[in-house]
Amino acid sequence: MRLRQQHEVQVGKQWLERADEASAADENEVELDKVRRADFQKGLERLDQACVQIDETLMALTCFV
């Protein structure tokens, strides 16, 4: 999960840099970029939550072994 998270951050970082460099003349494109950025951040938050849940599950299983 952490490798997937690192990959997503790397890919998203490149995408965000390209989006910042490109000059958007149309307001609709700016709104679309905002939506994409929000979706990207939601995805990262979900990966963070999944990592925490996995860590908690492993700790619980370790206590029973």
C-alpha atoms as a PDB file:
ATOM      1  CA  MET A   1       0.000   0.000   0.000  1.00  0.00           C
ATOM      2  CA  ARG A   2       2.812   2.367   0.796  1.00  0.00           C
ATOM      3  CA  LEU A   3       4.444   1.671  -2.562  1.00  0.00           C
ATOM      4  CA  ARG A   4       1.150   2.422  -4.278  1.00  0.00           C
ATOM      5  CA  GLN A   5       0.867   5.640  -2.286  1.00  0.00           C
ATOM      6  CA  GLN A   6       4.387   6.682  -3.273  1.00  0.00           C
ATOM      7  CA  HIS A   7       3.627   5.933  -6.910  1.00  0.00           C
ATOM      8  CA  GLU A   8       0.416   7.976  -6.819  1.00  0.00           C
ATOM      9  CA  VAL A   9       2.220  10.902  -5.206  1.00  0.00           C
ATOM     10  CA  GLN A  10       4.926  10.780  -7.854  1.00  0.00           C
ATOM     11  CA  VAL A  11       2.446  10.603 -10.742  1.00  0.00           C
ATOM     12  CA  GLY A  12       0.219  13.238  -9.179  1.00  0.00           C
ATOM     13  CA  LYS A  13       3.173  15.505  -8.511  1.00  0.00           C
ATOM     14  CA  GLN A  14       4.116  15.443 -12.174  1.00  0.00           C
ATOM     15  CA  TRP A  15       0.510  16.091 -13.170  1.00  0.00           C
ATOM     16  CA  LEU A  16       0.171  18.992 -10.753  1.00  0.00           C
ATOM     17  CA  GLU A  17       3.408  20.543 -11.991  1.00  0.00           C
ATOM     18  CA  ARG A  18       2.230  20.329 -15.603  1.00  0.00           C
ATOM     19  CA  ALA A  19      -1.157  21.783 -14.653  1.00  0.00           C
ATOM     20  CA  ASP A  20       0.505  24.695 -12.860  1.00  0.00           C
ATOM     21  CA  GLU A  21       2.794  25.405 -15.805  1.00  0.00           C
ATOM     22  CA  ALA A  22       0.002  25.345 -18.370  1.00  0.00           C
ATOM     23  CA  SER A  23      -1.878  28.582 -18.632  1.00  0.00           C
ATOM     24  CA  ALA A  24      -5.586  27.883 -18.668  1.00  0.00           C
ATOM     25  CA  ALA A  25      -7.418  30.571 -20.595  1.00  0.00           C
ATOM     26  CA  ASP A  26     -10.839  28.999 -20.224  1.00  0.00           C
ATOM     27  CA  GLU A  27     -12.596  29.126 -16.847  1.00  0.00           C
ATOM     28  CA  ASN A  28     -14.129  25.694 -17.460  1.00  0.00           C
ATOM     29  CA  GLU A  29     -10.659  24.199 -17.674  1.00  0.00           C
ATOM     30  CA  VAL A  30      -9.756  25.826 -14.377  1.00  0.00           C
ATOM     31  CA  GLU A  31     -12.838  24.288 -12.757  1.00  0.00           C
ATOM     32  CA  LEU A  32     -11.993  20.914 -14.265  1.00  0.00           C
ATOM     33  CA  ASP A  33      -8.476  21.162 -12.826  1.00  0.00           C
ATOM     34  CA  LYS A  34      -9.945  21.940  -9.399  1.00  0.00           C
ATOM     35  CA  VAL A  35     -12.183  18.874  -9.601  1.00  0.00           C
ATOM     36  CA  ARG A  36      -9.269  16.668 -10.688  1.00  0.00           C
ATOM     37  CA  ARG A  37      -7.078  18.008  -7.882  1.00  0.00           C
ATOM     38  CA  ALA A  38      -9.832  17.329  -5.331  1.00  0.00           C
ATOM     39  CA  ASP A  39     -10.254  13.780  -6.663  1.00  0.00           C
ATOM     40  CA  PHE A  40      -6.493  13.251  -6.475  1.00  0.00           C
ATOM     41  CA  GLN A  41      -6.428  14.428  -2.857  1.00  0.00           C
ATOM     42  CA  LYS A  42      -9.368  12.159  -1.973  1.00  0.00           C
ATOM     43  CA  GLY A  43      -7.492   9.226  -3.471  1.00  0.00           C
ATOM     44  CA  LEU A  44      -4.413  10.002  -1.383  1.00  0.00           C
ATOM     45  CA  GLU A  45      -6.545  10.289   1.755  1.00  0.00           C
ATOM     46  CA  ARG A  46      -8.111   6.896   1.031  1.00  0.00           C
ATOM     47  CA  LEU A  47      -4.685   5.336   0.606  1.00  0.00           C
ATOM     48  CA  ASP A  48      -3.589   6.904   3.911  1.00  0.00           C
ATOM     49  CA  GLN A  49      -6.660   5.491   5.660  1.00  0.00           C
ATOM     50  CA  ALA A  50      -6.057   2.049   4.147  1.00  0.00           C
ATOM     51  CA  CYS A  51      -2.446   2.084   5.393  1.00  0.00           C
ATOM     52  CA  VAL A  52      -3.596   2.990   8.895  1.00  0.00           C
ATOM     53  CA  GLN A  53      -6.234   0.239   8.880  1.00  0.00           C
ATOM     54  CA  ILE A  54      -3.690  -2.329   7.729  1.00  0.00           C
ATOM     55  CA  ASP A  55      -1.267  -1.246  10.454  1.00  0.00           C
ATOM     56  CA  GLU A  56      -4.011  -1.514  13.091  1.00  0.00           C
ATOM     57  CA  THR A  57      -5.049  -4.951  11.860  1.00  0.00           C
ATOM     58  CA  LEU A  58      -1.468  -6.197  11.900  1.00  0.00           C
ATOM     59  CA  MET A  59      -0.984  -4.895  15.439  1.00  0.00           C
ATOM     60  CA  ALA A  60      -4.172  -6.627  16.576  1.00  0.00           C
ATOM     61  CA  LEU A  61      -3.154  -9.909  14.939  1.00  0.00           C
ATOM     62  CA  THR A  62       0.316  -9.667  16.471  1.00  0.00           C
ATOM     63  CA  CYS A  63      -1.225  -9.441  19.937  1.00  0.00           C
ATOM     64  CA  PHE A  64      -3.045 -12.750  19.441  1.00  0.00           C
ATOM     65  CA  VAL A  65      -0.052 -14.683  18.167  1.00  0.00           C
END
